[in-house]
Amino acid sequence: MPDFEPIYTTTGTESVGRFVARHYALPGPLTCRLMNRGFNDVYLITSATGARYVFRLSHHRARGPADVRTETDFLAHLARCSVPVAAAVETRDGALFVSGEAAEGVRDGVLFHAIEGRSPEVASESDARANGVTLARLHDAAMSYRPEAPLYRLDLEHLLLRPLTRVRQHLRLIDADDGGFLQDIADRTAARIAAMDGLTWTHCHGDCHGFNTRIGPDGMAVFFDFDDGGPGYLAYDLSVFLWAKLSFGRRFHAAWHAFVDGYRSVRPISAADYEAAHAFVVVRHFWLMGEQASRAREWGSENVRWVTQQRDFLEGWEAEQLAGRLL
């Protein structure tokens, strides 16, 4: 037995290429390069014909295993409904995902068709509107989708309370503030949302912050990266875009309004869901803090120390956007 056991390994491109060639009927030889490592590891696969694919290896995360079964099944449903998404490629035996043994244990993999197009611009109103249109089309299609046995529900337990626990554990680890103020904000947010009637439940993308998409030549937004999705609050799916435009010092109000206009061009947003989206911005921030804090063992505690510096944003959002709405 080795002296040191890995909690995470970066898989080499050669072995990923061999793995993909073994499980997928792609014309070889294949080339493979690592595109990104973060919450997941992402590789670009190019076949002998020049066709491009993206292979994603899921990480072990604090929330539990990747729900690739529900994710890929939902993507297949969206593709059948003509929603522009990066659908999964079938394996040689007709499955939509695979599993492989890494040093730290089993990791799930999905091969996606690569999306052509450009990355969205952070303040672009036209790109924001395109994102709103595609999310609305996604929610329309979700009305006819019935997941068989999803692993996760995007409720307050999943999005707020468990992340809060992980953040407070991290704060104690680095001898920072005990997070009492975070508990107070989380309690107020949970109570505020619980008091809202008529919130819509749907199948969410879960991470629609505006950059899990490519803008095609026709201006259409094509979505990818559904691994944080699942059944949950529609207001949360809206809030992620709002949060992305106004957190961390950003002030892209016009992009948020363009996103809403794009969404409403396809389907309405109820007054309850629109109001709730502003409260869910706090939930989204807690979710990200919890995800980051849970990776301290892998990334190092200093790399996620920023979670100790969020009091101004959270309390400011409460005071400015919830107590006295400016949007």
Protein backbone atom coordinates (compact mmCIF):
# COMPACT_ATOMS: atom_id res chain seq x y z
CA MET A 1 0.00 0.00 0.00
CA PRO A 2 1.43 3.44 -0.90
CA ASP A 3 2.26 5.94 1.82
CA PHE A 4 0.06 8.61 0.21
CA GLU A 5 -3.44 8.03 -1.14
CA PRO A 6 -4.90 10.40 -3.76
CA ILE A 7 -8.16 12.24 -3.21
CA TYR A 8 -8.13 13.43 -6.80
CA THR A 9 -6.07 12.66 -9.90
CA THR A 10 -5.82 14.41 -13.26
CA THR A 11 -6.19 11.70 -15.87
CA GLY A 12 -3.64 11.81 -18.69
CA THR A 13 -4.82 12.60 -22.20
CA GLU A 14 -3.39 9.39 -23.64
CA SER A 15 -5.42 7.18 -21.33
CA VAL A 16 -8.55 9.28 -21.89
CA GLY A 17 -8.12 8.92 -25.65
CA ARG A 18 -7.76 5.15 -25.33
CA PHE A 19 -10.80 4.98 -23.04
CA VAL A 20 -12.99 6.98 -25.43
CA ALA A 21 -11.83 4.90 -28.42
CA ARG A 22 -12.73 1.71 -26.54
CA HIS A 23 -16.23 2.82 -25.60
CA TYR A 24 -17.32 4.97 -28.56
CA ALA A 25 -17.50 4.15 -32.27
CA LEU A 26 -15.51 7.15 -33.46
CA PRO A 27 -13.21 6.97 -36.51
CA GLY A 28 -9.65 6.82 -35.25
CA PRO A 29 -7.01 7.61 -34.49
CA LEU A 30 -8.34 10.07 -31.92
CA THR A 31 -6.49 13.05 -30.53
CA CYS A 32 -7.17 14.28 -27.01
CA ARG A 33 -6.20 17.37 -25.05
CA LEU A 34 -7.17 18.61 -21.60
CA MET A 35 -9.32 21.73 -21.88
CA ASN A 36 -10.14 22.45 -18.25
CA ARG A 37 -9.98 21.01 -14.76
CA GLY A 38 -12.20 22.35 -12.02
CA PHE A 39 -15.47 20.95 -10.73
CA ASN A 40 -15.02 18.38 -13.53
CA ASP A 41 -12.23 17.52 -15.99
CA VAL A 42 -13.02 18.32 -19.61
CA TYR A 43 -11.17 16.99 -22.65
CA LEU A 44 -11.44 17.83 -26.34
CA ILE A 45 -11.60 14.73 -28.53
CA THR A 46 -11.01 15.02 -32.28
CA SER A 47 -11.66 12.09 -34.59
CA ALA A 48 -9.77 11.19 -37.75
CA THR A 49 -12.45 12.97 -39.80
CA GLY A 50 -11.99 16.20 -37.85
CA ALA A 51 -15.25 15.83 -35.90
CA ARG A 52 -14.95 17.35 -32.42
CA TYR A 53 -16.35 16.06 -29.15
CA VAL A 54 -16.07 16.98 -25.49
CA PHE A 55 -15.46 14.26 -22.92
CA ARG A 56 -16.25 15.14 -19.31
CA LEU A 57 -15.01 13.17 -16.32
CA SER A 58 -17.10 13.92 -13.26
CA HIS A 59 -15.46 14.70 -9.95
CA HIS A 60 -16.32 13.24 -6.58
CA ARG A 61 -18.19 16.12 -4.95
CA ALA A 62 -19.53 16.82 -1.48
CA ARG A 63 -23.11 16.63 -2.73
CA GLY A 64 -22.54 12.99 -3.77
CA PRO A 65 -22.10 11.15 -7.08
CA ALA A 66 -22.78 12.78 -10.44
CA ASP A 67 -26.34 12.16 -11.60
CA VAL A 68 -25.27 11.39 -15.16
CA ARG A 69 -28.23 9.11 -15.73
CA THR A 70 -30.80 11.87 -15.20
CA GLU A 71 -28.61 14.50 -16.88
CA THR A 72 -28.14 12.58 -20.12
CA ASP A 73 -31.76 11.41 -20.17
CA PHE A 74 -32.96 15.01 -19.83
CA LEU A 75 -30.58 16.13 -22.58
CA ALA A 76 -31.98 13.45 -24.89
CA HIS A 77 -35.49 14.69 -24.12
CA LEU A 78 -34.50 18.30 -24.84
CA ALA A 79 -32.91 17.30 -28.15
CA ARG A 80 -36.11 15.49 -29.16
CA CYS A 81 -37.98 18.72 -28.35
CA SER A 82 -35.57 20.69 -30.58
CA VAL A 83 -34.11 22.67 -27.68
CA PRO A 84 -30.55 23.69 -28.65
CA VAL A 85 -28.27 21.68 -26.35
CA ALA A 86 -25.05 19.69 -26.50
CA ALA A 87 -26.48 16.18 -26.45
CA ALA A 88 -24.61 13.11 -25.24
CA VAL A 89 -23.12 10.64 -27.72
CA GLU A 90 -24.16 7.00 -27.39
CA THR A 91 -21.54 4.41 -26.51
CA ARG A 92 -20.95 1.30 -28.61
CA ASP A 93 -23.60 -0.49 -26.56
CA GLY A 94 -26.16 2.35 -26.71
CA ALA A 95 -25.59 3.90 -23.27
CA LEU A 96 -25.33 7.65 -22.72
CA PHE A 97 -22.57 7.55 -20.11
CA VAL A 98 -19.69 5.35 -19.00
CA SER A 99 -17.77 4.68 -15.82
CA GLY A 100 -14.04 4.15 -15.40
CA GLU A 101 -11.68 3.30 -12.57
CA ALA A 102 -9.34 6.09 -11.42
CA ALA A 103 -6.81 5.96 -8.60
CA GLU A 104 -9.31 7.60 -6.23
CA GLY A 105 -12.23 5.41 -7.30
CA VAL A 106 -14.86 5.17 -10.02
CA ARG A 107 -15.52 8.29 -12.10
CA ASP A 108 -18.39 8.76 -14.55
CA GLY A 109 -17.78 10.06 -18.06
CA VAL A 110 -20.00 11.54 -20.75
CA LEU A 111 -19.07 12.29 -24.36
CA PHE A 112 -20.86 15.29 -25.86
CA HIS A 113 -21.06 16.68 -29.36
CA ALA A 114 -18.88 19.80 -29.42
CA ILE A 115 -20.80 23.03 -29.96
CA GLU A 116 -19.73 25.43 -32.65
CA GLY A 117 -20.02 29.15 -32.05
CA ARG A 118 -18.48 31.80 -29.84
CA SER A 119 -18.46 32.39 -26.11
CA PRO A 120 -21.03 34.93 -24.90
CA GLU A 121 -19.95 38.43 -23.95
CA VAL A 122 -20.55 39.24 -20.30
CA ALA A 123 -22.41 42.54 -20.82
CA SER A 124 -24.01 41.79 -24.20
CA GLU A 125 -27.76 42.35 -24.17
CA SER A 126 -28.28 40.30 -27.34
CA ASP A 127 -26.38 37.34 -25.85
CA ALA A 128 -28.37 37.68 -22.63
CA ARG A 129 -31.61 37.72 -24.55
CA ALA A 130 -30.55 34.58 -26.44
CA ASN A 131 -29.86 32.85 -23.12
CA GLY A 132 -33.32 33.81 -21.88
CA VAL A 133 -34.96 32.41 -25.01
CA THR A 134 -33.20 29.05 -24.71
CA LEU A 135 -33.90 28.72 -20.99
CA ALA A 136 -37.59 29.37 -21.66
CA ARG A 137 -37.60 26.72 -24.38
CA LEU A 138 -35.90 24.35 -21.93
CA HIS A 139 -38.59 24.98 -19.30
CA ASP A 140 -41.31 24.47 -21.90
CA ALA A 141 -39.84 21.09 -22.79
CA ALA A 142 -39.42 20.23 -19.11
CA MET A 143 -43.21 20.29 -18.71
CA SER A 144 -43.37 16.96 -20.56
CA TYR A 145 -40.34 15.41 -18.86
CA ARG A 146 -40.68 12.91 -16.03
CA PRO A 147 -37.32 11.83 -14.58
CA GLU A 148 -37.24 8.24 -13.44
CA ALA A 149 -35.23 8.53 -10.22
CA PRO A 150 -33.20 11.76 -9.97
CA LEU A 151 -30.52 11.75 -7.28
CA TYR A 152 -30.99 15.40 -6.31
CA ARG A 153 -33.74 17.93 -5.82
CA LEU A 154 -32.76 21.58 -6.16
CA ASP A 155 -34.56 22.55 -2.98
CA LEU A 156 -33.35 24.66 -0.07
CA GLU A 157 -31.79 21.68 1.65
CA HIS A 158 -29.59 21.03 -1.40
CA LEU A 159 -28.93 24.63 -2.44
CA LEU A 160 -28.72 26.48 0.87
CA LEU A 161 -28.62 24.43 4.06
CA ARG A 162 -26.03 21.80 3.19
CA PRO A 163 -23.75 24.39 1.53
CA LEU A 164 -24.05 26.52 4.67
CA THR A 165 -22.85 23.57 6.74
CA ARG A 166 -19.84 23.08 4.46
CA VAL A 167 -18.94 26.78 4.63
CA ARG A 168 -19.13 26.85 8.42
CA GLN A 169 -16.95 23.73 8.63
CA HIS A 170 -14.41 25.47 6.40
CA LEU A 171 -14.46 28.61 8.54
CA ARG A 172 -13.73 26.56 11.64
CA LEU A 173 -10.93 24.77 9.80
CA ILE A 174 -9.09 28.02 9.07
CA ASP A 175 -9.92 29.60 12.44
CA ALA A 176 -12.03 32.31 10.83
CA ASP A 177 -15.32 33.78 12.04
CA ASP A 178 -17.72 31.05 13.17
CA GLY A 179 -20.17 32.02 10.46
CA GLY A 180 -22.96 33.07 12.79
CA PHE A 181 -23.88 35.91 10.48
CA LEU A 182 -24.12 33.42 7.61
CA GLN A 183 -26.54 31.33 9.63
CA ASP A 184 -28.68 34.41 10.26
CA ILE A 185 -28.78 35.33 6.56
CA ALA A 186 -29.56 31.74 5.55
CA ASP A 187 -32.37 31.56 8.12
CA ARG A 188 -33.90 34.83 6.89
CA THR A 189 -33.61 33.73 3.26
CA ALA A 190 -35.20 30.34 3.91
CA ALA A 191 -38.05 31.98 5.81
CA ARG A 192 -38.55 34.55 3.05
CA ILE A 193 -38.80 31.86 0.37
CA ALA A 194 -41.00 29.61 2.50
CA ALA A 195 -43.48 32.49 2.82
CA MET A 196 -43.81 32.83 -0.97
CA ASP A 197 -46.85 31.16 -2.49
CA GLY A 198 -47.20 29.73 -5.97
CA LEU A 199 -43.55 29.13 -6.87
CA THR A 200 -43.12 27.01 -10.00
CA TRP A 201 -41.36 23.65 -9.86
CA THR A 202 -39.65 22.43 -13.03
CA HIS A 203 -36.58 20.57 -14.26
CA CYS A 204 -33.73 23.07 -14.03
CA HIS A 205 -30.54 23.58 -15.96
CA GLY A 206 -29.08 24.47 -12.57
CA ASP A 207 -26.15 26.60 -13.75
CA CYS A 208 -27.53 29.08 -16.29
CA HIS A 209 -25.10 31.92 -15.55
CA GLY A 210 -24.69 32.87 -19.19
CA PHE A 211 -21.42 31.11 -20.00
CA ASN A 212 -22.51 27.48 -20.16
CA THR A 213 -23.54 28.23 -23.73
CA ARG A 214 -22.24 29.04 -27.16
CA ILE A 215 -23.75 31.66 -29.44
CA GLY A 216 -24.17 30.31 -32.94
CA PRO A 217 -23.94 32.27 -36.21
CA ASP A 218 -27.74 32.65 -36.09
CA GLY A 219 -27.53 34.23 -32.64
CA MET A 220 -29.07 31.22 -30.91
CA ALA A 221 -27.75 30.16 -27.49
CA VAL A 222 -26.87 26.46 -27.31
CA PHE A 223 -26.67 25.16 -23.73
CA PHE A 224 -24.25 22.68 -22.17
CA ASP A 225 -23.03 21.70 -18.68
CA PHE A 226 -26.21 20.30 -17.12
CA ASP A 227 -24.52 18.37 -14.31
CA ASP A 228 -25.88 20.72 -11.62
CA GLY A 229 -29.43 20.33 -12.93
CA GLY A 230 -32.43 18.47 -11.63
CA PRO A 231 -35.98 19.05 -10.46
CA GLY A 232 -36.16 22.34 -8.61
CA TYR A 233 -37.42 25.90 -8.37
CA LEU A 234 -37.85 27.75 -11.67
CA ALA A 235 -37.00 30.92 -9.75
CA TYR A 236 -33.60 29.46 -8.93
CA ASP A 237 -32.86 28.84 -12.62
CA LEU A 238 -33.67 32.50 -13.30
CA SER A 239 -31.70 33.73 -10.30
CA VAL A 240 -28.42 32.20 -11.44
CA PHE A 241 -28.32 34.59 -14.40
CA LEU A 242 -29.26 37.57 -12.22
CA TRP A 243 -26.57 36.62 -9.71
CA ALA A 244 -23.96 36.32 -12.47
CA LYS A 245 -24.68 39.84 -13.71
CA LEU A 246 -24.66 41.56 -10.32
CA SER A 247 -22.29 39.62 -8.03
CA PHE A 248 -18.58 40.21 -7.47
CA GLY A 249 -18.83 43.89 -8.34
CA ARG A 250 -20.64 43.47 -11.66
CA ARG A 251 -23.40 45.92 -12.57
CA PHE A 252 -24.88 44.55 -15.77
CA HIS A 253 -28.53 45.37 -15.06
CA ALA A 254 -29.35 45.80 -18.75
CA ALA A 255 -28.21 42.26 -19.52
CA TRP A 256 -30.51 40.90 -16.80
CA HIS A 257 -33.49 42.77 -18.24
CA ALA A 258 -32.61 41.54 -21.76
CA PHE A 259 -32.48 37.97 -20.42
CA VAL A 260 -35.94 38.38 -18.88
CA ASP A 261 -37.31 39.90 -22.09
CA GLY A 262 -35.93 36.97 -24.08
CA TYR A 263 -37.48 34.48 -21.69
CA ARG A 264 -40.85 36.25 -21.79
CA SER A 265 -40.82 36.22 -25.59
CA VAL A 266 -41.32 32.45 -25.31
CA ARG A 267 -43.24 31.94 -22.06
CA PRO A 268 -44.44 34.11 -19.17
CA ILE A 269 -42.79 34.48 -15.79
CA SER A 270 -45.23 34.66 -12.91
CA ALA A 271 -44.98 37.56 -10.52
CA ALA A 272 -44.18 35.10 -7.72
CA ASP A 273 -41.30 33.48 -9.62
CA TYR A 274 -39.88 36.84 -10.69
CA GLU A 275 -39.89 38.16 -7.13
CA ALA A 276 -38.48 34.91 -5.78
CA ALA A 277 -35.57 35.04 -8.22
CA HIS A 278 -34.18 38.01 -6.29
CA ALA A 279 -34.26 36.07 -3.01
CA PHE A 280 -32.68 33.05 -4.70
CA VAL A 281 -29.62 35.16 -5.57
CA VAL A 282 -28.60 34.71 -1.92
CA VAL A 283 -29.23 30.97 -2.24
CA ARG A 284 -27.04 30.80 -5.34
CA HIS A 285 -24.21 32.59 -3.56
CA PHE A 286 -24.40 30.14 -0.66
CA TRP A 287 -24.39 27.25 -3.14
CA LEU A 288 -21.17 28.46 -4.74
CA MET A 289 -19.54 29.16 -1.39
CA GLY A 290 -20.40 25.64 -0.25
CA GLU A 291 -19.08 24.04 -3.43
CA GLN A 292 -15.82 25.96 -3.16
CA ALA A 293 -15.39 25.33 0.57
CA SER A 294 -15.90 21.60 0.04
CA ARG A 295 -12.89 21.54 -2.31
CA ALA A 296 -10.41 22.89 0.24
CA ARG A 297 -8.90 19.42 0.74
CA GLU A 298 -8.11 19.30 -2.97
CA TRP A 299 -7.43 22.94 -3.89
CA GLY A 300 -6.02 24.11 -0.56
CA SER A 301 -7.71 26.26 2.08
CA GLU A 302 -6.01 29.46 0.93
CA ASN A 303 -7.48 29.11 -2.56
CA VAL A 304 -11.02 29.23 -1.19
CA ARG A 305 -10.46 31.79 1.57
CA TRP A 306 -12.60 34.22 -0.45
CA VAL A 307 -15.69 32.61 1.10
CA THR A 308 -14.81 34.44 4.34
CA GLN A 309 -15.20 37.80 2.59
CA GLN A 310 -18.82 37.66 1.44
CA ARG A 311 -20.59 39.48 4.26
CA ASP A 312 -20.80 42.79 2.40
CA PHE A 313 -22.36 41.25 -0.70
CA LEU A 314 -24.89 39.10 1.16
CA GLU A 315 -26.00 41.76 3.62
CA GLY A 316 -25.92 44.40 0.89
CA TRP A 317 -28.15 42.31 -1.35
CA GLU A 318 -30.63 41.84 1.45
CA ALA A 319 -30.74 45.54 2.25
CA GLU A 320 -30.80 46.88 -1.30
CA GLN A 321 -32.57 44.27 -3.40
CA LEU A 322 -34.91 42.53 -0.98
CA ALA A 323 -35.87 45.13 1.61
CA GLY A 324 -36.08 47.95 -0.93
CA ARG A 325 -36.22 46.55 -4.45
CA LEU A 326 -34.15 48.47 -7.00
CA LEU A 327 -34.64 46.05 -9.87
